[in-house]
C-alpha atoms as a PDB file:
ATOM      1  CA  UNK A   1      91.256  86.974 106.981  1.00  0.00           C
ATOM      2  CA  UNK A   2      93.181  85.527 109.944  1.00  0.00           C
ATOM      3  CA  UNK A   3      95.274  83.237 107.762  1.00  0.00           C
ATOM      4  CA  UNK A   4      97.464  81.091 110.009  1.00  0.00           C
ATOM      5  CA  UNK A   5      96.495  83.199 113.031  1.00  0.00           C
ATOM      6  CA  UNK A   6      99.756  85.037 113.643  1.00  0.00           C
ATOM      7  CA  UNK A   7      98.273  88.482 114.334  1.00  0.00           C
ATOM      8  CA  UNK A   8      95.535  87.187 116.643  1.00  0.00           C
ATOM      9  CA  UNK A   9      97.936  84.915 118.516  1.00  0.00           C
ATOM     10  CA  UNK A  10     100.483  87.695 118.990  1.00  0.00           C
ATOM     11  CA  UNK A  11      97.708  90.083 120.124  1.00  0.00           C
ATOM     12  CA  UNK A  12      96.577  87.607 122.778  1.00  0.00           C
ATOM     13  CA  UNK A  13     100.087  86.926 124.058  1.00  0.00           C
ATOM     14  CA  UNK A  14     100.891  90.636 124.152  1.00  0.00           C
ATOM     15  CA  UNK A  15      97.656  91.451 126.016  1.00  0.00           C
ATOM     16  CA  UNK A  16      98.410  88.743 128.585  1.00  0.00           C
ATOM     17  CA  UNK A  17     102.006  89.994 128.890  1.00  0.00           C
ATOM     18  CA  UNK A  18     103.528  86.691 127.838  1.00  0.00           C
ATOM     19  CA  UNK A  19     107.214  87.355 127.061  1.00  0.00           C
ATOM     20  CA  UNK A  20     108.123  86.264 123.516  1.00  0.00           C
ATOM     21  CA  UNK A  21     109.177  82.637 123.425  1.00  0.00           C
ATOM     22  CA  UNK A  22     108.561  82.078 127.143  1.00  0.00           C
ATOM     23  CA  UNK A  23     106.193  79.186 126.565  1.00  0.00           C
ATOM     24  CA  UNK A  24     108.178  77.606 123.730  1.00  0.00           C
ATOM     25  CA  UNK A  25     110.750  74.937 124.491  1.00  0.00           C
ATOM     26  CA  UNK A  26     112.284  74.661 121.015  1.00  0.00           C
ATOM     27  CA  UNK A  27     113.530  77.917 119.546  1.00  0.00           C
ATOM     28  CA  UNK A  28     115.397  78.095 116.242  1.00  0.00           C
ATOM     29  CA  UNK A  29     118.352  80.071 117.621  1.00  0.00           C
ATOM     30  CA  UNK A  30     119.243  77.192 119.960  1.00  0.00           C
ATOM     31  CA  UNK A  31     120.880  75.515 116.955  1.00  0.00           C
ATOM     32  CA  UNK A  32     123.195  78.466 116.263  1.00  0.00           C
ATOM     33  CA  UNK A  33     126.888  77.867 116.929  1.00  0.00           C
ATOM     34  CA  UNK A  34     127.014  80.994 119.118  1.00  0.00           C
ATOM     35  CA  UNK A  35     124.052  79.910 121.272  1.00  0.00           C
ATOM     36  CA  UNK A  36     124.781  79.937 125.018  1.00  0.00           C
ATOM     37  CA  UNK A  37     122.353  77.458 126.605  1.00  0.00           C
ATOM     38  CA  UNK A  38     123.241  78.506 130.151  1.00  0.00           C
ATOM     39  CA  UNK A  39     122.495  82.178 129.436  1.00  0.00           C
ATOM     40  CA  UNK A  40     119.241  81.323 127.641  1.00  0.00           C
ATOM     41  CA  UNK A  41     118.109  79.087 130.526  1.00  0.00           C
ATOM     42  CA  UNK A  42     118.906  81.903 132.960  1.00  0.00           C
ATOM     43  CA  UNK A  43     116.789  84.374 130.978  1.00  0.00           C
ATOM     44  CA  UNK A  44     113.914  81.888 130.821  1.00  0.00           C
ATOM     45  CA  UNK A  45     114.123  81.311 134.596  1.00  0.00           C
ATOM     46  CA  UNK A  46     114.135  85.075 135.193  1.00  0.00           C
ATOM     47  CA  UNK A  47     110.986  85.564 133.103  1.00  0.00           C
ATOM     48  CA  UNK A  48     109.246  82.631 134.784  1.00  0.00           C
ATOM     49  CA  UNK A  49     110.050  84.048 138.234  1.00  0.00           C
ATOM     50  CA  UNK A  50     108.531  87.480 137.623  1.00  0.00           C
ATOM     51  CA  UNK A  51     105.464  87.761 139.867  1.00  0.00           C
ATOM     52  CA  UNK A  52     102.195  88.388 138.091  1.00  0.00           C
ATOM     53  CA  UNK A  53     103.966  88.748 134.760  1.00  0.00           C
ATOM     54  CA  UNK A  54     101.831  86.381 132.696  1.00  0.00           C
ATOM     55  CA  UNK A  55      98.122  86.958 133.076  1.00  0.00           C
ATOM     56  CA  UNK A  56      95.806  83.975 132.779  1.00  0.00           C
ATOM     57  CA  UNK A  57      93.138  86.068 131.086  1.00  0.00           C
ATOM     58  CA  UNK A  58      93.134  89.043 128.777  1.00  0.00           C
ATOM     59  CA  UNK A  59      90.712  90.760 126.444  1.00  0.00           C
ATOM     60  CA  UNK A  60      88.728  88.570 124.093  1.00  0.00           C
ATOM     61  CA  UNK A  61      90.682  87.933 120.896  1.00  0.00           C
ATOM     62  CA  UNK A  62      88.921  86.383 117.915  1.00  0.00           C
ATOM     63  CA  UNK A  63      90.054  85.481 114.435  1.00  0.00           C
ATOM     64  CA  UNK A  64      88.207  84.224 111.409  1.00  0.00           C
ATOM     65  CA  UNK A  65      88.808  83.201 107.840  1.00  0.00           C
ATOM     66  CA  UNK A  66      86.497  81.926 105.135  1.00  0.00           C
ATOM     67  CA  UNK A  67      88.904  79.039 104.440  1.00  0.00           C
ATOM     68  CA  UNK A  68      88.364  76.192 106.953  1.00  0.00           C
ATOM     69  CA  UNK A  69      91.886  74.866 106.354  1.00  0.00           C
ATOM     70  CA  UNK A  70      93.323  78.234 107.449  1.00  0.00           C
ATOM     71  CA  UNK A  71      91.136  78.214 110.571  1.00  0.00           C
ATOM     72  CA  UNK A  72      92.395  74.702 111.378  1.00  0.00           C
ATOM     73  CA  UNK A  73      95.989  75.891 110.940  1.00  0.00           C
ATOM     74  CA  UNK A  74      95.328  78.952 113.118  1.00  0.00           C
ATOM     75  CA  UNK A  75      93.823  76.804 115.879  1.00  0.00           C
ATOM     76  CA  UNK A  76      96.832  74.472 115.773  1.00  0.00           C
ATOM     77  CA  UNK A  77      99.228  77.431 115.954  1.00  0.00           C
ATOM     78  CA  UNK A  78      97.286  78.950 118.864  1.00  0.00           C
ATOM     79  CA  UNK A  79      97.474  75.685 120.815  1.00  0.00           C
ATOM     80  CA  UNK A  80     101.228  75.481 120.186  1.00  0.00           C
ATOM     81  CA  UNK A  81     101.656  79.058 121.444  1.00  0.00           C
ATOM     82  CA  UNK A  82      99.224  78.539 124.371  1.00  0.00           C
ATOM     83  CA  UNK A  83      97.229  81.489 123.038  1.00  0.00           C
ATOM     84  CA  UNK A  84      93.608  81.971 124.030  1.00  0.00           C
ATOM     85  CA  UNK A  85      92.063  82.936 120.698  1.00  0.00           C
ATOM     86  CA  UNK A  86      88.630  81.916 119.432  1.00  0.00           C
ATOM     87  CA  UNK A  87      88.906  81.102 115.716  1.00  0.00           C
ATOM     88  CA  UNK A  88      85.926  80.499 113.439  1.00  0.00           C
ATOM     89  CA  UNK A  89      85.053  80.064 109.792  1.00  0.00           C
ATOM     90  CA  UNK A  90      83.486  83.318 108.578  1.00  0.00           C
ATOM     91  CA  UNK A  91      83.656  85.688 105.648  1.00  0.00           C
ATOM     92  CA  UNK A  92      84.880  89.225 106.338  1.00  0.00           C
ATOM     93  CA  UNK A  93      81.783  90.518 104.541  1.00  0.00           C
ATOM     94  CA  UNK A  94      79.753  89.166 107.471  1.00  0.00           C
ATOM     95  CA  UNK A  95      81.713  91.209 110.041  1.00  0.00           C
ATOM     96  CA  UNK A  96      79.399  93.207 112.300  1.00  0.00           C
ATOM     97  CA  UNK A  97      80.043  95.751 115.061  1.00  0.00           C
ATOM     98  CA  UNK A  98      80.631  94.321 118.528  1.00  0.00           C
ATOM     99  CA  UNK A  99      79.503  95.694 121.856  1.00  0.00           C
ATOM    100  CA  UNK A 100      81.496  97.221 123.323  1.00  0.00           C
ATOM    101  CA  UNK A 101      83.394  98.361 120.219  1.00  0.00           C
ATOM    102  CA  UNK A 102      86.795  96.800 119.774  1.00  0.00           C
ATOM    103  CA  UNK A 103      89.785  96.842 117.481  1.00  0.00           C
ATOM    104  CA  UNK A 104      89.828  95.024 114.149  1.00  0.00           C
ATOM    105  CA  UNK A 105      93.264  94.174 112.767  1.00  0.00           C
ATOM    106  CA  UNK A 106      93.436  92.876 109.203  1.00  0.00           C
ATOM    107  CA  UNK A 107      96.262  91.756 106.948  1.00  0.00           C
ATOM    108  CA  UNK A 108      94.306  91.250 103.702  1.00  0.00           C
ATOM    109  CA  UNK A 109      95.751  89.193 100.866  1.00  0.00           C
ATOM    110  CA  UNK A 110      97.918  91.078  98.376  1.00  0.00           C
ATOM    111  CA  UNK A 111     101.122  90.720  96.427  1.00  0.00           C
ATOM    112  CA  UNK A 112     102.594  87.690  94.688  1.00  0.00           C
ATOM    113  CA  UNK A 113     100.376  84.607  94.700  1.00  0.00           C
ATOM    114  CA  UNK A 114      97.795  86.378  96.890  1.00  0.00           C
ATOM    115  CA  UNK A 115      97.084  89.232  94.481  1.00  0.00           C
ATOM    116  CA  UNK A 116      93.572  90.513  94.981  1.00  0.00           C
ATOM    117  CA  UNK A 117      91.596  93.027  93.033  1.00  0.00           C
ATOM    118  CA  UNK A 118      90.956  96.577  94.101  1.00  0.00           C
ATOM    119  CA  UNK A 119      87.250  95.668  93.969  1.00  0.00           C
ATOM    120  CA  UNK A 120      87.839  93.222  96.841  1.00  0.00           C
ATOM    121  CA  UNK A 121      89.526  96.032  98.787  1.00  0.00           C
ATOM    122  CA  UNK A 122      86.561  98.320  98.054  1.00  0.00           C
ATOM    123  CA  UNK A 123      84.241  95.629  99.469  1.00  0.00           C
ATOM    124  CA  UNK A 124      86.464  95.383 102.546  1.00  0.00           C
ATOM    125  CA  UNK A 125      86.327  99.156 102.997  1.00  0.00           C
ATOM    126  CA  UNK A 126      82.529  99.106 102.821  1.00  0.00           C
ATOM    127  CA  UNK A 127      82.434  96.517 105.621  1.00  0.00           C
ATOM    128  CA  UNK A 128      84.964  98.353 107.794  1.00  0.00           C
ATOM    129  CA  UNK A 129      83.081 101.648 107.474  1.00  0.00           C
ATOM    130  CA  UNK A 130      80.049 100.007 109.158  1.00  0.00           C
ATOM    131  CA  UNK A 131      82.022  99.351 112.356  1.00  0.00           C
ATOM    132  CA  UNK A 132      81.041 102.607 114.076  1.00  0.00           C
ATOM    133  CA  UNK A 133      82.984 103.261 117.270  1.00  0.00           C
ATOM    134  CA  UNK A 134      85.603 100.632 116.466  1.00  0.00           C
ATOM    135  CA  UNK A 135      89.263 101.098 115.642  1.00  0.00           C
ATOM    136  CA  UNK A 136      90.567  99.341 112.560  1.00  0.00           C
ATOM    137  CA  UNK A 137      94.120  98.646 111.524  1.00  0.00           C
ATOM    138  CA  UNK A 138      94.850  97.351 108.033  1.00  0.00           C
ATOM    139  CA  UNK A 139      98.215  96.347 106.621  1.00  0.00           C
ATOM    140  CA  UNK A 140      98.123  98.086 103.244  1.00  0.00           C
ATOM    141  CA  UNK A 141     100.599  97.557 100.382  1.00  0.00           C
ATOM    142  CA  UNK A 142     100.133 100.857  98.561  1.00  0.00           C
ATOM    143  CA  UNK A 143      98.164 104.008  97.830  1.00  0.00           C
ATOM    144  CA  UNK A 144      95.819 102.334  95.320  1.00  0.00           C
ATOM    145  CA  UNK A 145      94.690  99.878  98.003  1.00  0.00           C
ATOM    146  CA  UNK A 146      94.372 102.684 100.559  1.00  0.00           C
ATOM    147  CA  UNK A 147      92.156 104.687  98.193  1.00  0.00           C
ATOM    148  CA  UNK A 148      90.056 101.584  97.499  1.00  0.00           C
ATOM    149  CA  UNK A 149      89.385 101.166 101.245  1.00  0.00           C
ATOM    150  CA  UNK A 150      88.160 104.774 101.488  1.00  0.00           C
ATOM    151  CA  UNK A 151      88.563 104.894 105.273  1.00  0.00           C
ATOM    152  CA  UNK A 152      88.610 108.108 107.336  1.00  0.00           C
ATOM    153  CA  UNK A 153      91.951 109.925 107.374  1.00  0.00           C
ATOM    154  CA  UNK A 154      94.476 108.928 110.009  1.00  0.00           C
ATOM    155  CA  UNK A 155      97.161 110.821 111.905  1.00  0.00           C
ATOM    156  CA  UNK A 156     100.084 108.489 111.330  1.00  0.00           C
ATOM    157  CA  UNK A 157     100.471 105.399 109.165  1.00  0.00           C
ATOM    158  CA  UNK A 158     103.795 103.777 110.014  1.00  0.00           C
ATOM    159  CA  UNK A 159     105.712 102.131 107.206  1.00  0.00           C
ATOM    160  CA  UNK A 160     106.437  98.449 107.807  1.00  0.00           C
ATOM    161  CA  UNK A 161     108.001  95.522 106.023  1.00  0.00           C
ATOM    162  CA  UNK A 162     105.895  92.429 105.439  1.00  0.00           C
ATOM    163  CA  UNK A 163     108.374  89.952 104.061  1.00  0.00           C
ATOM    164  CA  UNK A 164     109.915  91.659 101.056  1.00  0.00           C
ATOM    165  CA  UNK A 165     107.001  94.099 100.653  1.00  0.00           C
ATOM    166  CA  UNK A 166     106.874  97.636 102.014  1.00  0.00           C
ATOM    167  CA  UNK A 167     103.469  98.412 103.528  1.00  0.00           C
ATOM    168  CA  UNK A 168     101.742 100.962 105.725  1.00  0.00           C
ATOM    169  CA  UNK A 169      99.701 100.158 108.789  1.00  0.00           C
ATOM    170  CA  UNK A 170      96.540 102.203 108.369  1.00  0.00           C
ATOM    171  CA  UNK A 171      95.098 102.885 111.827  1.00  0.00           C
ATOM    172  CA  UNK A 172      91.655 104.469 111.826  1.00  0.00           C
ATOM    173  CA  UNK A 173      88.831 105.273 114.208  1.00  0.00           C
ATOM    174  CA  UNK A 174      85.490 104.621 112.542  1.00  0.00           C
ATOM    175  CA  UNK A 175      83.060 107.418 113.524  1.00  0.00           C
END
């Protein structure tokens, strides 16, 4: 369920301590009337001069989706962001525990044109509950979806906005 790869790409860049936008040459705000090119160039130079700031390697980050066109889009986005993410075509129902255990971050389809059934969320919960020793984080649009996942209780589920939708980030350790 990687979609266009945003979460995996951001995870890789964060883990390698790549400052946001450092590797991009064309940023949307450069077209704003109030944009100060000299100040922006100075900030970029400062970030580039920081010793050891950007790490060449980080933890392994993988993403998958059952839709090959989404995997292609994710790979293209990763190349544009210089992210080191391994994307593959796979169904979430085939997800298996890794060794050593890792973190699984999922933004399942919901809302608007991506409305999915609670049965699909129940299936997702069954898969996630097999990932013993892993941590899972799921962007969840409401209590019905949370109940359908049937994951262990968590300590704190921060409320977030995903576009115009209010969600909670369910963060769970799978025993």
